[in-house]
């Protein structure tokens, strides 16, 4: 699956439970869009419960031509409840493709609520990233509860599910397939389509039997202490 197929709207909002890998999906999506010749802006809105932040890949993103919208470097570790002013550019400049990396739970998604009126006027999609290895959301019921909480907090409707099940360096195709089962269950219960499965390129041939397409990523986000 290409980035253009995955990110079929001008603005893509990426959300999901804390630690599911939504940020690495957002980063890889932005990088792939830029590699395809798009003008891309990635907005790091994860200011409440930071885990892996888009801003930690600032140099990589900028080298690839992705404009990162985030808290200034001097405040990168302060977790201040403020949003970068450039966020307005993402929503107003229709010549760019915007990727919004939003906080990983209903509280974290609250920051997006203030932009709901403007987003509703845009060509946007809201993608929910799931990871079957996260204990808080490893069942369909838990995943749906988190998803609905984010929808209620933002006032936006989820339009697609993304299976990003992995165990960092210990990931196997079986782990990804387990996530596919969870994603399928959530999709059947909610009616929200399972858009794709996320995997490193080396796993793609072994996932050929999956019903949905695979989005091959270039990098995995490392833990801050690695």
C-alpha atoms as a PDB file:
ATOM      1  CA  UNK A   1       0.000   0.000   0.000  1.00  0.00           C
ATOM      2  CA  UNK A   2       1.394   3.389  -0.960  1.00  0.00           C
ATOM      3  CA  UNK A   3       1.315   6.451   1.266  1.00  0.00           C
ATOM      4  CA  UNK A   4      -1.035   8.195  -1.170  1.00  0.00           C
ATOM      5  CA  UNK A   5      -3.494   5.301  -0.900  1.00  0.00           C
ATOM      6  CA  UNK A   6      -3.237   5.236   2.888  1.00  0.00           C
ATOM      7  CA  UNK A   7      -3.423   9.013   3.220  1.00  0.00           C
ATOM      8  CA  UNK A   8      -6.216   9.634   0.731  1.00  0.00           C
ATOM      9  CA  UNK A   9      -7.352  12.935   2.289  1.00  0.00           C
ATOM     10  CA  UNK A  10      -5.520  16.236   2.558  1.00  0.00           C
ATOM     11  CA  UNK A  11      -5.379  16.059   6.352  1.00  0.00           C
ATOM     12  CA  UNK A  12      -4.828  12.802   8.220  1.00  0.00           C
ATOM     13  CA  UNK A  13      -5.355  12.752  11.978  1.00  0.00           C
ATOM     14  CA  UNK A  14      -3.505   9.858  13.620  1.00  0.00           C
ATOM     15  CA  UNK A  15      -4.598   8.778  17.075  1.00  0.00           C
ATOM     16  CA  UNK A  16      -4.716   5.688  19.255  1.00  0.00           C
ATOM     17  CA  UNK A  17      -4.009   4.463  22.756  1.00  0.00           C
ATOM     18  CA  UNK A  18      -0.789   5.432  24.511  1.00  0.00           C
ATOM     19  CA  UNK A  19       2.085   3.259  23.278  1.00  0.00           C
ATOM     20  CA  UNK A  20       0.397   1.658  20.268  1.00  0.00           C
ATOM     21  CA  UNK A  21       2.893   3.128  17.821  1.00  0.00           C
ATOM     22  CA  UNK A  22       0.726   5.886  16.398  1.00  0.00           C
ATOM     23  CA  UNK A  23       3.657   8.305  16.316  1.00  0.00           C
ATOM     24  CA  UNK A  24       5.900   5.984  14.323  1.00  0.00           C
ATOM     25  CA  UNK A  25       3.021   5.433  11.904  1.00  0.00           C
ATOM     26  CA  UNK A  26       2.570   9.210  11.561  1.00  0.00           C
ATOM     27  CA  UNK A  27       6.302   9.731  11.008  1.00  0.00           C
ATOM     28  CA  UNK A  28       6.538   6.966   8.412  1.00  0.00           C
ATOM     29  CA  UNK A  29       3.414   8.213   6.651  1.00  0.00           C
ATOM     30  CA  UNK A  30       4.835  11.731   6.414  1.00  0.00           C
ATOM     31  CA  UNK A  31       8.186  10.442   5.145  1.00  0.00           C
ATOM     32  CA  UNK A  32       6.519   8.283   2.503  1.00  0.00           C
ATOM     33  CA  UNK A  33       4.301  11.129   1.314  1.00  0.00           C
ATOM     34  CA  UNK A  34       7.335  13.393   0.978  1.00  0.00           C
ATOM     35  CA  UNK A  35       9.211  10.682  -0.934  1.00  0.00           C
ATOM     36  CA  UNK A  36       6.272  10.623  -3.337  1.00  0.00           C
ATOM     37  CA  UNK A  37       6.725  14.304  -4.133  1.00  0.00           C
ATOM     38  CA  UNK A  38       4.090  15.785  -1.800  1.00  0.00           C
ATOM     39  CA  UNK A  39       4.555  18.941   0.274  1.00  0.00           C
ATOM     40  CA  UNK A  40       4.056  17.594   3.776  1.00  0.00           C
ATOM     41  CA  UNK A  41       3.629  19.103   7.225  1.00  0.00           C
ATOM     42  CA  UNK A  42       3.639  16.880  10.301  1.00  0.00           C
ATOM     43  CA  UNK A  43       2.111  18.433  13.421  1.00  0.00           C
ATOM     44  CA  UNK A  44       3.198  16.958  16.750  1.00  0.00           C
ATOM     45  CA  UNK A  45       0.189  17.488  19.034  1.00  0.00           C
ATOM     46  CA  UNK A  46       1.188  14.846  21.571  1.00  0.00           C
ATOM     47  CA  UNK A  47       1.634  17.210  24.524  1.00  0.00           C
ATOM     48  CA  UNK A  48      -0.170  15.404  27.324  1.00  0.00           C
ATOM     49  CA  UNK A  49       1.193  11.854  27.663  1.00  0.00           C
ATOM     50  CA  UNK A  50       4.385  11.778  25.553  1.00  0.00           C
ATOM     51  CA  UNK A  51       5.953   8.420  24.748  1.00  0.00           C
ATOM     52  CA  UNK A  52       7.656   8.490  21.365  1.00  0.00           C
ATOM     53  CA  UNK A  53       7.319  11.983  19.954  1.00  0.00           C
ATOM     54  CA  UNK A  54       7.424  13.071  16.342  1.00  0.00           C
ATOM     55  CA  UNK A  55       9.735  15.896  17.394  1.00  0.00           C
ATOM     56  CA  UNK A  56      12.379  13.303  18.344  1.00  0.00           C
ATOM     57  CA  UNK A  57      12.792  12.675  14.597  1.00  0.00           C
ATOM     58  CA  UNK A  58      13.007  16.354  13.657  1.00  0.00           C
ATOM     59  CA  UNK A  59      16.341  16.067  11.816  1.00  0.00           C
ATOM     60  CA  UNK A  60      15.257  12.989   9.849  1.00  0.00           C
ATOM     61  CA  UNK A  61      11.968  14.614   8.876  1.00  0.00           C
ATOM     62  CA  UNK A  62      13.502  17.899   7.820  1.00  0.00           C
ATOM     63  CA  UNK A  63      16.168  16.147   5.744  1.00  0.00           C
ATOM     64  CA  UNK A  64      13.367  14.322   3.927  1.00  0.00           C
ATOM     65  CA  UNK A  65      11.559  17.583   3.212  1.00  0.00           C
ATOM     66  CA  UNK A  66       8.844  17.213   5.859  1.00  0.00           C
ATOM     67  CA  UNK A  67       8.065  20.410   7.725  1.00  0.00           C
ATOM     68  CA  UNK A  68       7.647  19.568  11.407  1.00  0.00           C
ATOM     69  CA  UNK A  69       5.235  21.658  13.442  1.00  0.00           C
ATOM     70  CA  UNK A  70       6.063  21.190  17.122  1.00  0.00           C
ATOM     71  CA  UNK A  71       6.970  22.863  20.373  1.00  0.00           C
ATOM     72  CA  UNK A  72      10.342  24.664  20.061  1.00  0.00           C
ATOM     73  CA  UNK A  73      13.453  22.655  20.950  1.00  0.00           C
ATOM     74  CA  UNK A  74      13.952  24.649  24.156  1.00  0.00           C
ATOM     75  CA  UNK A  75      10.575  23.428  25.425  1.00  0.00           C
ATOM     76  CA  UNK A  76      10.691  19.937  23.935  1.00  0.00           C
ATOM     77  CA  UNK A  77      10.809  18.257  27.348  1.00  0.00           C
ATOM     78  CA  UNK A  78       8.628  20.707  29.246  1.00  0.00           C
ATOM     79  CA  UNK A  79       5.228  19.250  28.314  1.00  0.00           C
ATOM     80  CA  UNK A  80       3.737  22.716  28.348  1.00  0.00           C
ATOM     81  CA  UNK A  81       0.025  22.865  27.520  1.00  0.00           C
ATOM     82  CA  UNK A  82       0.583  24.973  24.427  1.00  0.00           C
ATOM     83  CA  UNK A  83       0.224  24.425  20.705  1.00  0.00           C
ATOM     84  CA  UNK A  84       2.617  25.671  18.026  1.00  0.00           C
ATOM     85  CA  UNK A  85       1.239  28.632  16.092  1.00  0.00           C
ATOM     86  CA  UNK A  86       2.191  26.980  12.803  1.00  0.00           C
ATOM     87  CA  UNK A  87      -0.598  24.473  13.302  1.00  0.00           C
ATOM     88  CA  UNK A  88      -2.930  26.975  11.664  1.00  0.00           C
ATOM     89  CA  UNK A  89      -0.839  26.730   8.496  1.00  0.00           C
ATOM     90  CA  UNK A  90      -1.494  22.995   8.275  1.00  0.00           C
ATOM     91  CA  UNK A  91      -5.214  23.644   8.255  1.00  0.00           C
ATOM     92  CA  UNK A  92      -5.208  26.756   6.070  1.00  0.00           C
ATOM     93  CA  UNK A  93      -2.657  25.945   3.358  1.00  0.00           C
ATOM     94  CA  UNK A  94      -4.461  23.568   0.998  1.00  0.00           C
ATOM     95  CA  UNK A  95      -1.313  23.020  -1.050  1.00  0.00           C
ATOM     96  CA  UNK A  96       0.186  20.793   1.659  1.00  0.00           C
ATOM     97  CA  UNK A  97      -0.660  17.358   2.986  1.00  0.00           C
ATOM     98  CA  UNK A  98      -1.076  17.520   6.740  1.00  0.00           C
ATOM     99  CA  UNK A  99      -0.452  14.686   9.188  1.00  0.00           C
ATOM    100  CA  UNK A 100      -1.538  15.374  12.782  1.00  0.00           C
ATOM    101  CA  UNK A 101      -0.018  13.186  15.511  1.00  0.00           C
ATOM    102  CA  UNK A 102      -2.510  13.441  18.383  1.00  0.00           C
ATOM    103  CA  UNK A 103      -2.206  12.428  22.048  1.00  0.00           C
ATOM    104  CA  UNK A 104      -2.715   8.758  22.818  1.00  0.00           C
ATOM    105  CA  UNK A 105      -5.932   8.656  24.830  1.00  0.00           C
ATOM    106  CA  UNK A 106      -9.148  10.675  25.233  1.00  0.00           C
ATOM    107  CA  UNK A 107      -7.372  13.202  27.475  1.00  0.00           C
ATOM    108  CA  UNK A 108      -4.552  13.594  24.994  1.00  0.00           C
ATOM    109  CA  UNK A 109      -7.025  14.019  22.152  1.00  0.00           C
ATOM    110  CA  UNK A 110      -8.681  16.925  23.954  1.00  0.00           C
ATOM    111  CA  UNK A 111      -6.176  19.282  22.359  1.00  0.00           C
ATOM    112  CA  UNK A 112      -7.771  18.584  18.976  1.00  0.00           C
ATOM    113  CA  UNK A 113     -11.297  19.502  20.059  1.00  0.00           C
ATOM    114  CA  UNK A 114     -10.708  23.231  19.680  1.00  0.00           C
ATOM    115  CA  UNK A 115      -9.933  22.710  15.979  1.00  0.00           C
ATOM    116  CA  UNK A 116     -13.029  20.621  15.286  1.00  0.00           C
ATOM    117  CA  UNK A 117     -14.987  23.369  13.437  1.00  0.00           C
ATOM    118  CA  UNK A 118     -12.069  23.980  11.103  1.00  0.00           C
ATOM    119  CA  UNK A 119     -11.321  20.292  10.542  1.00  0.00           C
ATOM    120  CA  UNK A 120     -14.937  19.604   9.634  1.00  0.00           C
ATOM    121  CA  UNK A 121     -14.543  22.031   6.751  1.00  0.00           C
ATOM    122  CA  UNK A 122     -11.452  20.224   5.482  1.00  0.00           C
ATOM    123  CA  UNK A 123     -10.894  17.014   3.555  1.00  0.00           C
ATOM    124  CA  UNK A 124      -9.762  14.978   6.566  1.00  0.00           C
ATOM    125  CA  UNK A 125      -9.654  11.439   7.884  1.00  0.00           C
ATOM    126  CA  UNK A 126      -9.244  10.215  11.459  1.00  0.00           C
ATOM    127  CA  UNK A 127      -7.244   6.996  11.751  1.00  0.00           C
ATOM    128  CA  UNK A 128      -7.123   4.918  14.928  1.00  0.00           C
ATOM    129  CA  UNK A 129      -3.917   2.913  15.422  1.00  0.00           C
ATOM    130  CA  UNK A 130      -4.179  -0.341  17.368  1.00  0.00           C
ATOM    131  CA  UNK A 131      -1.559  -2.687  18.795  1.00  0.00           C
ATOM    132  CA  UNK A 132      -2.736  -6.041  20.147  1.00  0.00           C
ATOM    133  CA  UNK A 133       0.301  -6.203  22.443  1.00  0.00           C
ATOM    134  CA  UNK A 134      -0.733  -3.192  24.527  1.00  0.00           C
ATOM    135  CA  UNK A 135      -2.366  -4.675  27.668  1.00  0.00           C
ATOM    136  CA  UNK A 136      -4.897  -1.856  28.062  1.00  0.00           C
ATOM    137  CA  UNK A 137      -6.344  -2.346  24.573  1.00  0.00           C
ATOM    138  CA  UNK A 138      -5.673  -5.953  23.630  1.00  0.00           C
ATOM    139  CA  UNK A 139      -9.343  -6.892  23.333  1.00  0.00           C
ATOM    140  CA  UNK A 140     -11.945  -5.569  20.925  1.00  0.00           C
ATOM    141  CA  UNK A 141     -14.014  -4.231  23.809  1.00  0.00           C
ATOM    142  CA  UNK A 142     -11.088  -2.279  25.279  1.00  0.00           C
ATOM    143  CA  UNK A 143     -10.060  -0.948  21.873  1.00  0.00           C
ATOM    144  CA  UNK A 144     -13.573   0.203  21.029  1.00  0.00           C
ATOM    145  CA  UNK A 145     -13.955   1.913  24.409  1.00  0.00           C
ATOM    146  CA  UNK A 146     -10.756   3.895  23.813  1.00  0.00           C
ATOM    147  CA  UNK A 147     -11.748   4.721  20.250  1.00  0.00           C
ATOM    148  CA  UNK A 148     -15.188   5.959  21.274  1.00  0.00           C
ATOM    149  CA  UNK A 149     -13.652   8.017  24.060  1.00  0.00           C
ATOM    150  CA  UNK A 150     -11.405   9.777  21.575  1.00  0.00           C
ATOM    151  CA  UNK A 151     -14.336  10.414  19.248  1.00  0.00           C
ATOM    152  CA  UNK A 152     -16.382  11.855  22.113  1.00  0.00           C
ATOM    153  CA  UNK A 153     -13.539  14.114  23.232  1.00  0.00           C
ATOM    154  CA  UNK A 154     -12.701  15.437  19.754  1.00  0.00           C
ATOM    155  CA  UNK A 155     -16.195  15.501  18.270  1.00  0.00           C
ATOM    156  CA  UNK A 156     -14.721  13.785  15.194  1.00  0.00           C
ATOM    157  CA  UNK A 157     -15.608  10.416  13.679  1.00  0.00           C
ATOM    158  CA  UNK A 158     -13.048   7.686  13.118  1.00  0.00           C
ATOM    159  CA  UNK A 159     -12.887   6.682   9.459  1.00  0.00           C
ATOM    160  CA  UNK A 160     -10.265   3.930   9.462  1.00  0.00           C
ATOM    161  CA  UNK A 161      -8.347   1.439  11.610  1.00  0.00           C
ATOM    162  CA  UNK A 162      -4.614   0.773  11.311  1.00  0.00           C
ATOM    163  CA  UNK A 163      -3.060  -2.415  12.683  1.00  0.00           C
ATOM    164  CA  UNK A 164       0.400  -1.556  14.008  1.00  0.00           C
ATOM    165  CA  UNK A 165       0.898  -4.598  16.219  1.00  0.00           C
ATOM    166  CA  UNK A 166       4.573  -5.209  16.954  1.00  0.00           C
ATOM    167  CA  UNK A 167       7.126  -5.978  19.664  1.00  0.00           C
ATOM    168  CA  UNK A 168       9.896  -3.668  18.434  1.00  0.00           C
ATOM    169  CA  UNK A 169      12.928  -5.847  17.657  1.00  0.00           C
ATOM    170  CA  UNK A 170      11.086  -9.037  18.609  1.00  0.00           C
ATOM    171  CA  UNK A 171       8.255  -8.619  16.128  1.00  0.00           C
ATOM    172  CA  UNK A 172       7.240 -11.630  14.049  1.00  0.00           C
ATOM    173  CA  UNK A 173       4.678 -12.068  11.271  1.00  0.00           C
ATOM    174  CA  UNK A 174       2.560 -13.973  13.803  1.00  0.00           C
ATOM    175  CA  UNK A 175       2.375 -10.870  16.003  1.00  0.00           C
ATOM    176  CA  UNK A 176       1.134  -8.816  13.055  1.00  0.00           C
ATOM    177  CA  UNK A 177      -1.438 -11.469  12.191  1.00  0.00           C
ATOM    178  CA  UNK A 178      -2.708 -11.413  15.779  1.00  0.00           C
ATOM    179  CA  UNK A 179      -3.229  -7.692  15.387  1.00  0.00           C
ATOM    180  CA  UNK A 180      -5.077  -8.339  12.146  1.00  0.00           C
ATOM    181  CA  UNK A 181      -7.519 -10.536  14.060  1.00  0.00           C
ATOM    182  CA  UNK A 182      -8.071  -7.798  16.637  1.00  0.00           C
ATOM    183  CA  UNK A 183      -8.511  -5.191  13.916  1.00  0.00           C
ATOM    184  CA  UNK A 184     -11.000  -7.395  12.121  1.00  0.00           C
ATOM    185  CA  UNK A 185     -13.033  -7.871  15.304  1.00  0.00           C
ATOM    186  CA  UNK A 186     -13.102  -4.132  15.987  1.00  0.00           C
ATOM    187  CA  UNK A 187     -14.075  -3.453  12.379  1.00  0.00           C
ATOM    188  CA  UNK A 188     -16.968  -5.920  12.520  1.00  0.00           C
ATOM    189  CA  UNK A 189     -18.256  -4.436  15.780  1.00  0.00           C
ATOM    190  CA  UNK A 190     -18.010  -0.794  14.714  1.00  0.00           C
ATOM    191  CA  UNK A 191     -18.376  -0.866  10.944  1.00  0.00           C
ATOM    192  CA  UNK A 192     -15.110   1.100  10.647  1.00  0.00           C
ATOM    193  CA  UNK A 193     -12.921  -0.361   7.887  1.00  0.00           C
ATOM    194  CA  UNK A 194      -9.527  -1.868   8.686  1.00  0.00           C
ATOM    195  CA  UNK A 195      -7.418   0.256   6.374  1.00  0.00           C
ATOM    196  CA  UNK A 196      -4.068  -1.518   6.485  1.00  0.00           C
ATOM    197  CA  UNK A 197      -1.441  -3.401   8.452  1.00  0.00           C
ATOM    198  CA  UNK A 198       1.870  -1.746   9.307  1.00  0.00           C
ATOM    199  CA  UNK A 199       5.059  -3.786   8.999  1.00  0.00           C
ATOM    200  CA  UNK A 200       8.736  -3.494   8.291  1.00  0.00           C
ATOM    201  CA  UNK A 201       9.514  -4.230   4.644  1.00  0.00           C
ATOM    202  CA  UNK A 202      11.200  -7.530   5.516  1.00  0.00           C
ATOM    203  CA  UNK A 203       7.887  -8.938   6.753  1.00  0.00           C
ATOM    204  CA  UNK A 204       5.772  -7.957   3.745  1.00  0.00           C
ATOM    205  CA  UNK A 205       6.251 -11.203   1.734  1.00  0.00           C
ATOM    206  CA  UNK A 206       5.138 -13.285   4.732  1.00  0.00           C
ATOM    207  CA  UNK A 207       1.937 -11.247   5.114  1.00  0.00           C
ATOM    208  CA  UNK A 208       0.695 -11.756   1.566  1.00  0.00           C
ATOM    209  CA  UNK A 209      -2.321 -13.748   2.752  1.00  0.00           C
ATOM    210  CA  UNK A 210      -3.868 -10.900   4.743  1.00  0.00           C
ATOM    211  CA  UNK A 211      -7.114  -9.501   3.373  1.00  0.00           C
ATOM    212  CA  UNK A 212      -6.072  -5.875   3.794  1.00  0.00           C
ATOM    213  CA  UNK A 213      -2.957  -4.266   2.251  1.00  0.00           C
ATOM    214  CA  UNK A 214       0.330  -3.832   4.112  1.00  0.00           C
ATOM    215  CA  UNK A 215       1.935  -0.420   4.561  1.00  0.00           C
ATOM    216  CA  UNK A 216       5.696  -0.978   4.698  1.00  0.00           C
ATOM    217  CA  UNK A 217       7.516   1.384   7.045  1.00  0.00           C
ATOM    218  CA  UNK A 218      11.091   2.605   6.817  1.00  0.00           C
ATOM    219  CA  UNK A 219      11.873   3.085  10.516  1.00  0.00           C
ATOM    220  CA  UNK A 220      10.800   1.873  13.921  1.00  0.00           C
ATOM    221  CA  UNK A 221      10.857   4.408  16.733  1.00  0.00           C
ATOM    222  CA  UNK A 222      13.328   3.439  19.441  1.00  0.00           C
ATOM    223  CA  UNK A 223      12.828   3.785  23.158  1.00  0.00           C
ATOM    224  CA  UNK A 224      14.287   7.079  24.500  1.00  0.00           C
ATOM    225  CA  UNK A 225      16.986   5.228  26.461  1.00  0.00           C
ATOM    226  CA  UNK A 226      18.201   3.164  23.475  1.00  0.00           C
END
